[in-house]
Amino acid sequence: MKSDSITPARKSRLRRSLPIVIAGAVGSVALALSMSPTLAAFTASITNSTDTAGLGSLSMQEANQAGTILCNSTDGGSISTNTATCATINKYGGNLAMVPGQTVSTQITIKNTGTVAASAFNLSPAACAQSNNGPVNGTATDLCSKVTLVVTSGSSTIYSGTLAAFNAPVDILAKTAASSVPAGTTVPFTFAVTVPAATGNTYSGLQLSQPLTWTFSS
Protein backbone atom coordinates (compact mmCIF):
# COMPACT_ATOMS: atom_id res chain seq x y z
CA MET A 1 0.00 0.00 0.00
CA LYS A 2 1.49 3.37 -1.15
CA SER A 3 1.73 6.16 1.40
CA ASP A 4 2.61 9.91 0.98
CA SER A 5 3.87 10.20 4.48
CA ILE A 6 7.59 10.89 5.08
CA THR A 7 9.22 8.37 7.22
CA PRO A 8 11.42 9.42 10.13
CA ALA A 9 14.51 8.15 8.35
CA ARG A 10 13.78 10.29 5.28
CA LYS A 11 13.19 13.37 7.41
CA SER A 12 16.55 12.82 9.00
CA ARG A 13 18.27 12.63 5.61
CA LEU A 14 16.55 15.85 4.47
CA ARG A 15 17.66 17.72 7.58
CA ARG A 16 21.23 16.62 7.02
CA SER A 17 21.32 17.57 3.32
CA LEU A 18 19.63 21.02 3.62
CA PRO A 19 22.67 22.86 5.02
CA ILE A 20 24.80 21.38 2.27
CA VAL A 21 22.39 22.61 -0.39
CA ILE A 22 22.24 26.11 1.13
CA ALA A 23 26.01 26.30 1.46
CA GLY A 24 26.41 25.25 -2.15
CA ALA A 25 23.96 27.89 -3.33
CA VAL A 26 25.71 30.62 -1.34
CA GLY A 27 29.06 29.58 -2.72
CA SER A 28 27.73 29.67 -6.26
CA VAL A 29 26.41 33.22 -5.75
CA ALA A 30 29.70 34.37 -4.23
CA LEU A 31 31.64 32.86 -7.12
CA ALA A 32 29.37 34.55 -9.64
CA LEU A 33 29.72 37.92 -7.93
CA SER A 34 33.49 37.62 -7.75
CA MET A 35 33.61 37.10 -11.51
CA SER A 36 31.20 39.97 -12.33
CA PRO A 37 32.90 42.82 -14.35
CA THR A 38 30.82 45.45 -12.53
CA LEU A 39 32.64 44.89 -9.25
CA ALA A 40 36.27 45.20 -10.46
CA ALA A 41 38.09 47.35 -13.09
CA PHE A 42 41.52 48.72 -14.06
CA THR A 43 42.00 52.40 -13.05
CA ALA A 44 44.52 55.17 -13.74
CA SER A 45 44.61 58.79 -12.56
CA ILE A 46 46.73 61.97 -12.57
CA THR A 47 46.41 64.84 -10.09
CA ASN A 48 47.69 68.25 -11.25
CA SER A 49 48.95 69.67 -7.97
CA THR A 50 50.10 73.02 -9.39
CA ASP A 51 47.43 74.96 -11.30
CA THR A 52 48.05 78.71 -11.04
CA ALA A 53 47.49 81.93 -12.97
CA GLY A 54 48.61 85.48 -12.32
CA LEU A 55 49.25 88.90 -13.83
CA GLY A 56 52.54 90.49 -14.76
CA SER A 57 53.33 94.19 -14.51
CA LEU A 58 54.16 96.98 -16.95
CA SER A 59 56.16 99.94 -15.67
CA MET A 60 58.44 102.59 -17.14
CA GLN A 61 61.65 104.34 -16.14
CA GLU A 62 63.10 107.46 -17.75
CA ALA A 63 66.77 108.33 -17.24
CA ASN A 64 69.09 111.13 -18.29
CA GLN A 65 72.20 110.36 -20.34
CA ALA A 66 74.41 109.86 -17.29
CA GLY A 67 71.84 107.70 -15.55
CA THR A 68 72.02 109.91 -12.48
CA ILE A 69 68.43 111.15 -12.70
CA LEU A 70 65.66 108.57 -12.76
CA CYS A 71 61.91 108.98 -13.05
CA ASN A 72 59.62 105.98 -12.60
CA SER A 73 55.98 105.56 -13.54
CA THR A 74 55.39 104.32 -9.99
CA ASP A 75 56.73 107.55 -8.44
CA GLY A 76 53.21 108.94 -8.42
CA GLY A 77 52.14 106.45 -5.75
CA SER A 78 52.35 102.77 -6.65
CA ILE A 79 51.81 100.27 -9.44
CA SER A 80 48.09 100.72 -8.81
CA THR A 81 48.23 104.24 -10.31
CA ASN A 82 51.42 103.76 -12.37
CA THR A 83 51.60 107.34 -13.61
CA ALA A 84 53.96 110.10 -12.56
CA THR A 85 55.22 113.56 -13.50
CA CYS A 86 58.94 114.05 -14.13
CA ALA A 87 60.21 117.64 -13.97
CA THR A 88 63.90 116.80 -13.56
CA ILE A 89 64.67 115.60 -17.10
CA ASN A 90 64.26 118.43 -19.64
CA LYS A 91 64.12 116.92 -23.14
CA TYR A 92 64.57 120.34 -24.77
CA GLY A 93 67.75 121.02 -22.81
CA GLY A 94 66.52 123.82 -20.56
CA ASN A 95 68.93 126.38 -22.07
CA LEU A 96 67.24 129.79 -21.78
CA ALA A 97 70.14 131.67 -23.39
CA MET A 98 70.12 130.17 -26.88
CA VAL A 99 71.00 132.29 -29.90
CA PRO A 100 69.96 132.05 -33.57
CA GLY A 101 71.58 129.09 -35.32
CA GLN A 102 72.19 127.15 -32.10
CA THR A 103 71.17 123.52 -31.52
CA VAL A 104 70.87 121.92 -28.09
CA SER A 105 70.81 118.12 -27.95
CA THR A 106 69.59 116.03 -25.03
CA GLN A 107 69.87 112.26 -24.71
CA ILE A 108 67.56 110.18 -22.55
CA THR A 109 66.46 106.56 -22.25
CA ILE A 110 63.12 104.90 -21.62
CA LYS A 111 63.21 101.44 -20.01
CA ASN A 112 60.52 98.81 -19.58
CA THR A 113 61.00 97.94 -15.91
CA GLY A 114 57.99 95.63 -15.78
CA THR A 115 57.70 91.88 -16.27
CA VAL A 116 55.66 91.89 -19.50
CA ALA A 117 56.36 93.33 -22.93
CA ALA A 118 54.89 96.64 -24.07
CA SER A 119 53.04 96.00 -27.32
CA ALA A 120 52.44 99.73 -27.82
CA PHE A 121 54.76 102.68 -27.14
CA ASN A 122 53.69 106.26 -27.78
CA LEU A 123 55.08 109.76 -27.31
CA SER A 124 52.30 112.32 -26.94
CA PRO A 125 53.05 116.08 -26.98
CA ALA A 126 50.87 118.75 -25.46
CA ALA A 127 50.56 122.09 -27.24
CA CYS A 128 53.70 124.20 -27.39
CA ALA A 129 53.30 127.40 -25.37
CA GLN A 130 55.26 130.66 -25.60
CA SER A 131 56.01 133.00 -22.68
CA ASN A 132 58.38 135.78 -21.68
CA ASN A 133 61.93 134.99 -20.59
CA GLY A 134 63.18 137.74 -18.33
CA PRO A 135 62.27 141.44 -18.22
CA VAL A 136 63.14 142.32 -21.83
CA ASN A 137 60.93 140.60 -24.40
CA GLY A 138 60.45 140.69 -28.16
CA THR A 139 57.07 141.16 -29.78
CA ALA A 140 56.89 137.93 -31.81
CA THR A 141 54.06 135.58 -31.01
CA ASP A 142 55.00 132.53 -33.09
CA LEU A 143 58.19 131.22 -31.47
CA CYS A 144 56.80 127.66 -31.45
CA SER A 145 56.46 127.86 -35.23
CA LYS A 146 60.10 128.92 -35.58
CA VAL A 147 61.97 126.52 -33.31
CA THR A 148 62.47 123.05 -34.75
CA LEU A 149 62.79 119.66 -33.09
CA VAL A 150 64.30 116.40 -34.30
CA VAL A 151 63.72 113.30 -32.19
CA THR A 152 65.67 110.17 -33.07
CA SER A 153 66.09 106.68 -31.66
CA GLY A 154 69.20 105.05 -33.05
CA SER A 155 68.93 105.46 -36.82
CA SER A 156 65.16 106.01 -36.74
CA THR A 157 63.60 109.47 -36.89
CA ILE A 158 60.68 109.75 -34.50
CA TYR A 159 59.77 113.35 -35.34
CA SER A 160 61.21 116.21 -37.37
CA GLY A 161 59.53 119.60 -37.67
CA THR A 162 58.54 122.69 -35.73
CA LEU A 163 57.34 122.50 -32.16
CA ALA A 164 54.01 123.99 -33.22
CA ALA A 165 53.46 121.08 -35.62
CA PHE A 166 54.42 118.53 -32.98
CA ASN A 167 50.84 118.13 -31.82
CA ALA A 168 49.85 114.47 -32.23
CA PRO A 169 50.90 111.19 -30.61
CA VAL A 170 53.75 109.33 -32.29
CA ASP A 171 53.73 105.54 -32.59
CA ILE A 172 57.33 104.78 -31.66
CA LEU A 173 57.14 101.08 -32.50
CA ALA A 174 56.01 101.92 -36.01
CA LYS A 175 58.80 104.49 -36.39
CA THR A 176 61.45 102.04 -35.21
CA ALA A 177 59.99 98.96 -36.96
CA ALA A 178 59.75 97.13 -33.64
CA SER A 179 56.93 94.84 -32.57
CA SER A 180 57.26 95.45 -28.83
CA VAL A 181 59.46 96.67 -26.00
CA PRO A 182 60.35 93.50 -24.06
CA ALA A 183 60.63 93.56 -20.28
CA GLY A 184 64.02 94.91 -19.23
CA THR A 185 64.67 96.63 -22.58
CA THR A 186 66.03 100.19 -22.75
CA VAL A 187 65.24 102.45 -25.72
CA PRO A 188 67.52 105.49 -26.34
CA PHE A 189 66.32 108.85 -27.64
CA THR A 190 67.98 112.09 -28.72
CA PHE A 191 66.13 115.42 -28.77
CA ALA A 192 67.73 118.18 -30.87
CA VAL A 193 66.17 121.65 -30.54
CA THR A 194 67.30 124.30 -33.03
CA VAL A 195 66.72 128.04 -33.22
CA PRO A 196 66.90 128.95 -36.94
CA ALA A 197 69.78 131.20 -37.94
CA ALA A 198 67.39 133.74 -39.46
CA THR A 199 65.52 134.32 -36.18
CA GLY A 200 65.35 138.11 -35.64
CA ASN A 201 65.28 140.48 -32.68
CA THR A 202 61.53 140.21 -32.23
CA TYR A 203 62.11 136.75 -30.72
CA SER A 204 64.59 137.95 -28.13
CA GLY A 205 63.69 137.35 -24.49
CA LEU A 206 61.07 134.70 -25.28
CA GLN A 207 60.86 131.07 -24.23
CA LEU A 208 58.69 128.07 -24.94
CA SER A 209 57.59 124.91 -23.17
CA GLN A 210 55.90 121.70 -24.22
CA PRO A 211 54.96 118.79 -21.92
CA LEU A 212 55.63 115.32 -23.34
CA THR A 213 54.07 112.06 -22.20
CA TRP A 214 55.52 108.59 -22.75
CA THR A 215 53.08 105.68 -22.65
CA PHE A 216 53.52 101.90 -22.63
CA SER A 217 50.57 99.57 -23.25
CA SER A 218 50.56 95.79 -23.03
C-alpha atoms as a PDB file:
ATOM      1  CA  MET A   1       0.000   0.000   0.000  1.00  0.00           C
ATOM      2  CA  LYS A   2       1.488   3.375  -1.149  1.00  0.00           C
ATOM      3  CA  SER A   3       1.734   6.161   1.399  1.00  0.00           C
ATOM      4  CA  ASP A   4       2.609   9.913   0.976  1.00  0.00           C
ATOM      5  CA  SER A   5       3.866  10.205   4.479  1.00  0.00           C
ATOM      6  CA  ILE A   6       7.590  10.888   5.076  1.00  0.00           C
ATOM      7  CA  THR A   7       9.223   8.365   7.224  1.00  0.00           C
ATOM      8  CA  PRO A   8      11.424   9.424  10.133  1.00  0.00           C
ATOM      9  CA  ALA A   9      14.513   8.145   8.347  1.00  0.00           C
ATOM     10  CA  ARG A  10      13.781  10.293   5.281  1.00  0.00           C
ATOM     11  CA  LYS A  11      13.186  13.375   7.407  1.00  0.00           C
ATOM     12  CA  SER A  12      16.552  12.823   9.004  1.00  0.00           C
ATOM     13  CA  ARG A  13      18.270  12.632   5.606  1.00  0.00           C
ATOM     14  CA  LEU A  14      16.549  15.852   4.472  1.00  0.00           C
ATOM     15  CA  ARG A  15      17.656  17.716   7.576  1.00  0.00           C
ATOM     16  CA  ARG A  16      21.233  16.621   7.019  1.00  0.00           C
ATOM     17  CA  SER A  17      21.324  17.565   3.320  1.00  0.00           C
ATOM     18  CA  LEU A  18      19.628  21.016   3.618  1.00  0.00           C
ATOM     19  CA  PRO A  19      22.673  22.858   5.025  1.00  0.00           C
ATOM     20  CA  ILE A  20      24.803  21.380   2.272  1.00  0.00           C
ATOM     21  CA  VAL A  21      22.391  22.606  -0.395  1.00  0.00           C
ATOM     22  CA  ILE A  22      22.242  26.108   1.129  1.00  0.00           C
ATOM     23  CA  ALA A  23      26.013  26.298   1.456  1.00  0.00           C
ATOM     24  CA  GLY A  24      26.408  25.255  -2.147  1.00  0.00           C
ATOM     25  CA  ALA A  25      23.960  27.886  -3.325  1.00  0.00           C
ATOM     26  CA  VAL A  26      25.710  30.617  -1.340  1.00  0.00           C
ATOM     27  CA  GLY A  27      29.062  29.576  -2.724  1.00  0.00           C
ATOM     28  CA  SER A  28      27.728  29.673  -6.264  1.00  0.00           C
ATOM     29  CA  VAL A  29      26.408  33.217  -5.747  1.00  0.00           C
ATOM     30  CA  ALA A  30      29.699  34.370  -4.230  1.00  0.00           C
ATOM     31  CA  LEU A  31      31.644  32.862  -7.118  1.00  0.00           C
ATOM     32  CA  ALA A  32      29.367  34.549  -9.637  1.00  0.00           C
ATOM     33  CA  LEU A  33      29.724  37.918  -7.931  1.00  0.00           C
ATOM     34  CA  SER A  34      33.485  37.622  -7.749  1.00  0.00           C
ATOM     35  CA  MET A  35      33.613  37.104 -11.511  1.00  0.00           C
ATOM     36  CA  SER A  36      31.196  39.970 -12.331  1.00  0.00           C
ATOM     37  CA  PRO A  37      32.896  42.825 -14.353  1.00  0.00           C
ATOM     38  CA  THR A  38      30.818  45.449 -12.534  1.00  0.00           C
ATOM     39  CA  LEU A  39      32.641  44.893  -9.250  1.00  0.00           C
ATOM     40  CA  ALA A  40      36.265  45.198 -10.461  1.00  0.00           C
ATOM     41  CA  ALA A  41      38.095  47.346 -13.086  1.00  0.00           C
ATOM     42  CA  PHE A  42      41.519  48.716 -14.057  1.00  0.00           C
ATOM     43  CA  THR A  43      41.997  52.404 -13.053  1.00  0.00           C
ATOM     44  CA  ALA A  44      44.524  55.171 -13.740  1.00  0.00           C
ATOM     45  CA  SER A  45      44.614  58.788 -12.563  1.00  0.00           C
ATOM     46  CA  ILE A  46      46.729  61.974 -12.570  1.00  0.00           C
ATOM     47  CA  THR A  47      46.405  64.838 -10.095  1.00  0.00           C
ATOM     48  CA  ASN A  48      47.688  68.246 -11.245  1.00  0.00           C
ATOM     49  CA  SER A  49      48.951  69.671  -7.975  1.00  0.00           C
ATOM     50  CA  THR A  50      50.098  73.024  -9.387  1.00  0.00           C
ATOM     51  CA  ASP A  51      47.427  74.955 -11.300  1.00  0.00           C
ATOM     52  CA  THR A  52      48.051  78.705 -11.037  1.00  0.00           C
ATOM     53  CA  ALA A  53      47.490  81.928 -12.966  1.00  0.00           C
ATOM     54  CA  GLY A  54      48.609  85.485 -12.321  1.00  0.00           C
ATOM     55  CA  LEU A  55      49.252  88.899 -13.826  1.00  0.00           C
ATOM     56  CA  GLY A  56      52.544  90.489 -14.758  1.00  0.00           C
ATOM     57  CA  SER A  57      53.333  94.193 -14.506  1.00  0.00           C
ATOM     58  CA  LEU A  58      54.155  96.978 -16.947  1.00  0.00           C
ATOM     59  CA  SER A  59      56.158  99.943 -15.668  1.00  0.00           C
ATOM     60  CA  MET A  60      58.443 102.591 -17.137  1.00  0.00           C
ATOM     61  CA  GLN A  61      61.649 104.343 -16.139  1.00  0.00           C
ATOM     62  CA  GLU A  62      63.100 107.462 -17.746  1.00  0.00           C
ATOM     63  CA  ALA A  63      66.767 108.325 -17.242  1.00  0.00           C
ATOM     64  CA  ASN A  64      69.093 111.126 -18.287  1.00  0.00           C
ATOM     65  CA  GLN A  65      72.196 110.364 -20.339  1.00  0.00           C
ATOM     66  CA  ALA A  66      74.409 109.860 -17.290  1.00  0.00           C
ATOM     67  CA  GLY A  67      71.842 107.696 -15.551  1.00  0.00           C
ATOM     68  CA  THR A  68      72.019 109.913 -12.484  1.00  0.00           C
ATOM     69  CA  ILE A  69      68.429 111.146 -12.704  1.00  0.00           C
ATOM     70  CA  LEU A  70      65.659 108.569 -12.760  1.00  0.00           C
ATOM     71  CA  CYS A  71      61.910 108.984 -13.054  1.00  0.00           C
ATOM     72  CA  ASN A  72      59.624 105.975 -12.598  1.00  0.00           C
ATOM     73  CA  SER A  73      55.980 105.557 -13.543  1.00  0.00           C
ATOM     74  CA  THR A  74      55.386 104.322  -9.985  1.00  0.00           C
ATOM     75  CA  ASP A  75      56.730 107.548  -8.439  1.00  0.00           C
ATOM     76  CA  GLY A  76      53.205 108.940  -8.416  1.00  0.00           C
ATOM     77  CA  GLY A  77      52.137 106.450  -5.753  1.00  0.00           C
ATOM     78  CA  SER A  78      52.349 102.770  -6.654  1.00  0.00           C
ATOM     79  CA  ILE A  79      51.814 100.268  -9.439  1.00  0.00           C
ATOM     80  CA  SER A  80      48.086 100.725  -8.815  1.00  0.00           C
ATOM     81  CA  THR A  81      48.226 104.242 -10.310  1.00  0.00           C
ATOM     82  CA  ASN A  82      51.418 103.761 -12.370  1.00  0.00           C
ATOM     83  CA  THR A  83      51.599 107.341 -13.607  1.00  0.00           C
ATOM     84  CA  ALA A  84      53.962 110.099 -12.557  1.00  0.00           C
ATOM     85  CA  THR A  85      55.224 113.560 -13.504  1.00  0.00           C
ATOM     86  CA  CYS A  86      58.942 114.051 -14.130  1.00  0.00           C
ATOM     87  CA  ALA A  87      60.213 117.642 -13.969  1.00  0.00           C
ATOM     88  CA  THR A  88      63.905 116.801 -13.558  1.00  0.00           C
ATOM     89  CA  ILE A  89      64.671 115.601 -17.103  1.00  0.00           C
ATOM     90  CA  ASN A  90      64.264 118.432 -19.638  1.00  0.00           C
ATOM     91  CA  LYS A  91      64.120 116.923 -23.135  1.00  0.00           C
ATOM     92  CA  TYR A  92      64.574 120.342 -24.765  1.00  0.00           C
ATOM     93  CA  GLY A  93      67.752 121.023 -22.809  1.00  0.00           C
ATOM     94  CA  GLY A  94      66.520 123.824 -20.564  1.00  0.00           C
ATOM     95  CA  ASN A  95      68.935 126.382 -22.067  1.00  0.00           C
ATOM     96  CA  LEU A  96      67.242 129.789 -21.781  1.00  0.00           C
ATOM     97  CA  ALA A  97      70.143 131.673 -23.394  1.00  0.00           C
ATOM     98  CA  MET A  98      70.116 130.167 -26.878  1.00  0.00           C
ATOM     99  CA  VAL A  99      71.002 132.292 -29.899  1.00  0.00           C
ATOM    100  CA  PRO A 100      69.956 132.047 -33.573  1.00  0.00           C
ATOM    101  CA  GLY A 101      71.580 129.093 -35.319  1.00  0.00           C
ATOM    102  CA  GLN A 102      72.192 127.146 -32.102  1.00  0.00           C
ATOM    103  CA  THR A 103      71.169 123.521 -31.516  1.00  0.00           C
ATOM    104  CA  VAL A 104      70.870 121.917 -28.087  1.00  0.00           C
ATOM    105  CA  SER A 105      70.809 118.117 -27.948  1.00  0.00           C
ATOM    106  CA  THR A 106      69.590 116.025 -25.031  1.00  0.00           C
ATOM    107  CA  GLN A 107      69.867 112.261 -24.707  1.00  0.00           C
ATOM    108  CA  ILE A 108      67.555 110.179 -22.552  1.00  0.00           C
ATOM    109  CA  THR A 109      66.457 106.558 -22.252  1.00  0.00           C
ATOM    110  CA  ILE A 110      63.120 104.898 -21.621  1.00  0.00           C
ATOM    111  CA  LYS A 111      63.210 101.442 -20.012  1.00  0.00           C
ATOM    112  CA  ASN A 112      60.523  98.808 -19.576  1.00  0.00           C
ATOM    113  CA  THR A 113      60.997  97.941 -15.906  1.00  0.00           C
ATOM    114  CA  GLY A 114      57.985  95.632 -15.784  1.00  0.00           C
ATOM    115  CA  THR A 115      57.703  91.885 -16.273  1.00  0.00           C
ATOM    116  CA  VAL A 116      55.655  91.889 -19.497  1.00  0.00           C
ATOM    117  CA  ALA A 117      56.360  93.329 -22.935  1.00  0.00           C
ATOM    118  CA  ALA A 118      54.891  96.637 -24.070  1.00  0.00           C
ATOM    119  CA  SER A 119      53.044  96.000 -27.321  1.00  0.00           C
ATOM    120  CA  ALA A 120      52.437  99.733 -27.825  1.00  0.00           C
ATOM    121  CA  PHE A 121      54.760 102.676 -27.136  1.00  0.00           C
ATOM    122  CA  ASN A 122      53.689 106.265 -27.779  1.00  0.00           C
ATOM    123  CA  LEU A 123      55.081 109.756 -27.306  1.00  0.00           C
ATOM    124  CA  SER A 124      52.303 112.324 -26.935  1.00  0.00           C
ATOM    125  CA  PRO A 125      53.046 116.076 -26.977  1.00  0.00           C
ATOM    126  CA  ALA A 126      50.871 118.745 -25.456  1.00  0.00           C
ATOM    127  CA  ALA A 127      50.558 122.087 -27.241  1.00  0.00           C
ATOM    128  CA  CYS A 128      53.704 124.201 -27.388  1.00  0.00           C
ATOM    129  CA  ALA A 129      53.303 127.402 -25.370  1.00  0.00           C
ATOM    130  CA  GLN A 130      55.255 130.665 -25.604  1.00  0.00           C
ATOM    131  CA  SER A 131      56.007 132.996 -22.681  1.00  0.00           C
ATOM    132  CA  ASN A 132      58.380 135.781 -21.677  1.00  0.00           C
ATOM    133  CA  ASN A 133      61.933 134.991 -20.589  1.00  0.00           C
ATOM    134  CA  GLY A 134      63.184 137.735 -18.328  1.00  0.00           C
ATOM    135  CA  PRO A 135      62.273 141.444 -18.219  1.00  0.00           C
ATOM    136  CA  VAL A 136      63.140 142.318 -21.835  1.00  0.00           C
ATOM    137  CA  ASN A 137      60.928 140.598 -24.398  1.00  0.00           C
ATOM    138  CA  GLY A 138      60.447 140.693 -28.156  1.00  0.00           C
ATOM    139  CA  THR A 139      57.072 141.164 -29.780  1.00  0.00           C
ATOM    140  CA  ALA A 140      56.895 137.934 -31.812  1.00  0.00           C
ATOM    141  CA  THR A 141      54.055 135.575 -31.012  1.00  0.00           C
ATOM    142  CA  ASP A 142      55.004 132.528 -33.087  1.00  0.00           C
ATOM    143  CA  LEU A 143      58.192 131.215 -31.474  1.00  0.00           C
ATOM    144  CA  CYS A 144      56.797 127.658 -31.447  1.00  0.00           C
ATOM    145  CA  SER A 145      56.464 127.864 -35.227  1.00  0.00           C
ATOM    146  CA  LYS A 146      60.100 128.924 -35.580  1.00  0.00           C
ATOM    147  CA  VAL A 147      61.973 126.518 -33.312  1.00  0.00           C
ATOM    148  CA  THR A 148      62.471 123.046 -34.749  1.00  0.00           C
ATOM    149  CA  LEU A 149      62.785 119.656 -33.094  1.00  0.00           C
ATOM    150  CA  VAL A 150      64.298 116.399 -34.305  1.00  0.00           C
ATOM    151  CA  VAL A 151      63.717 113.296 -32.191  1.00  0.00           C
ATOM    152  CA  THR A 152      65.672 110.168 -33.073  1.00  0.00           C
ATOM    153  CA  SER A 153      66.089 106.677 -31.658  1.00  0.00           C
ATOM    154  CA  GLY A 154      69.195 105.052 -33.053  1.00  0.00           C
ATOM    155  CA  SER A 155      68.934 105.464 -36.822  1.00  0.00           C
ATOM    156  CA  SER A 156      65.156 106.011 -36.740  1.00  0.00           C
ATOM    157  CA  THR A 157      63.596 109.469 -36.892  1.00  0.00           C
ATOM    158  CA  ILE A 158      60.681 109.747 -34.496  1.00  0.00           C
ATOM    159  CA  TYR A 159      59.770 113.355 -35.340  1.00  0.00           C
ATOM    160  CA  SER A 160      61.211 116.212 -37.375  1.00  0.00           C
ATOM    161  CA  GLY A 161      59.527 119.601 -37.666  1.00  0.00           C
ATOM    162  CA  THR A 162      58.536 122.691 -35.728  1.00  0.00           C
ATOM    163  CA  LEU A 163      57.340 122.500 -32.159  1.00  0.00           C
ATOM    164  CA  ALA A 164      54.005 123.992 -33.221  1.00  0.00           C
ATOM    165  CA  ALA A 165      53.459 121.081 -35.618  1.00  0.00           C
ATOM    166  CA  PHE A 166      54.418 118.531 -32.985  1.00  0.00           C
ATOM    167  CA  ASN A 167      50.838 118.128 -31.823  1.00  0.00           C
ATOM    168  CA  ALA A 168      49.849 114.466 -32.229  1.00  0.00           C
ATOM    169  CA  PRO A 169      50.896 111.189 -30.606  1.00  0.00           C
ATOM    170  CA  VAL A 170      53.751 109.335 -32.291  1.00  0.00           C
ATOM    171  CA  ASP A 171      53.733 105.543 -32.592  1.00  0.00           C
ATOM    172  CA  ILE A 172      57.328 104.783 -31.663  1.00  0.00           C
ATOM    173  CA  LEU A 173      57.143 101.077 -32.496  1.00  0.00           C
ATOM    174  CA  ALA A 174      56.006 101.921 -36.011  1.00  0.00           C
ATOM    175  CA  LYS A 175      58.796 104.487 -36.393  1.00  0.00           C
ATOM    176  CA  THR A 176      61.455 102.038 -35.205  1.00  0.00           C
ATOM    177  CA  ALA A 177      59.991  98.960 -36.963  1.00  0.00           C
ATOM    178  CA  ALA A 178      59.750  97.130 -33.643  1.00  0.00           C
ATOM    179  CA  SER A 179      56.929  94.839 -32.567  1.00  0.00           C
ATOM    180  CA  SER A 180      57.256  95.451 -28.826  1.00  0.00           C
ATOM    181  CA  VAL A 181      59.458  96.666 -26.001  1.00  0.00           C
ATOM    182  CA  PRO A 182      60.347  93.499 -24.064  1.00  0.00           C
ATOM    183  CA  ALA A 183      60.630  93.563 -20.282  1.00  0.00           C
ATOM    184  CA  GLY A 184      64.019  94.915 -19.234  1.00  0.00           C
ATOM    185  CA  THR A 185      64.675  96.631 -22.579  1.00  0.00           C
ATOM    186  CA  THR A 186      66.032 100.195 -22.753  1.00  0.00           C
ATOM    187  CA  VAL A 187      65.244 102.449 -25.725  1.00  0.00           C
ATOM    188  CA  PRO A 188      67.521 105.493 -26.338  1.00  0.00           C
ATOM    189  CA  PHE A 189      66.323 108.852 -27.641  1.00  0.00           C
ATOM    190  CA  THR A 190      67.982 112.092 -28.716  1.00  0.00           C
ATOM    191  CA  PHE A 191      66.130 115.424 -28.771  1.00  0.00           C
ATOM    192  CA  ALA A 192      67.726 118.179 -30.871  1.00  0.00           C
ATOM    193  CA  VAL A 193      66.171 121.648 -30.538  1.00  0.00           C
ATOM    194  CA  THR A 194      67.295 124.297 -33.032  1.00  0.00           C
ATOM    195  CA  VAL A 195      66.720 128.043 -33.215  1.00  0.00           C
ATOM    196  CA  PRO A 196      66.901 128.952 -36.937  1.00  0.00           C
ATOM    197  CA  ALA A 197      69.781 131.202 -37.942  1.00  0.00           C
ATOM    198  CA  ALA A 198      67.389 133.745 -39.462  1.00  0.00           C
ATOM    199  CA  THR A 199      65.522 134.316 -36.180  1.00  0.00           C
ATOM    200  CA  GLY A 200      65.347 138.105 -35.641  1.00  0.00           C
ATOM    201  CA  ASN A 201      65.282 140.477 -32.678  1.00  0.00           C
ATOM    202  CA  THR A 202      61.526 140.208 -32.228  1.00  0.00           C
ATOM    203  CA  TYR A 203      62.107 136.749 -30.721  1.00  0.00           C
ATOM    204  CA  SER A 204      64.594 137.954 -28.125  1.00  0.00           C
ATOM    205  CA  GLY A 205      63.690 137.353 -24.495  1.00  0.00           C
ATOM    206  CA  LEU A 206      61.071 134.704 -25.281  1.00  0.00           C
ATOM    207  CA  GLN A 207      60.862 131.070 -24.233  1.00  0.00           C
ATOM    208  CA  LEU A 208      58.688 128.066 -24.942  1.00  0.00           C
ATOM    209  CA  SER A 209      57.594 124.911 -23.172  1.00  0.00           C
ATOM    210  CA  GLN A 210      55.903 121.696 -24.221  1.00  0.00           C
ATOM    211  CA  PRO A 211      54.957 118.792 -21.923  1.00  0.00           C
ATOM    212  CA  LEU A 212      55.631 115.319 -23.339  1.00  0.00           C
ATOM    213  CA  THR A 213      54.066 112.056 -22.198  1.00  0.00           C
ATOM    214  CA  TRP A 214      55.518 108.587 -22.753  1.00  0.00           C
ATOM    215  CA  THR A 215      53.076 105.676 -22.648  1.00  0.00           C
ATOM    216  CA  PHE A 216      53.517 101.897 -22.629  1.00  0.00           C
ATOM    217  CA  SER A 217      50.572  99.566 -23.251  1.00  0.00           C
ATOM    218  CA  SER A 218      50.556  95.791 -23.033  1.00  0.00           C
END
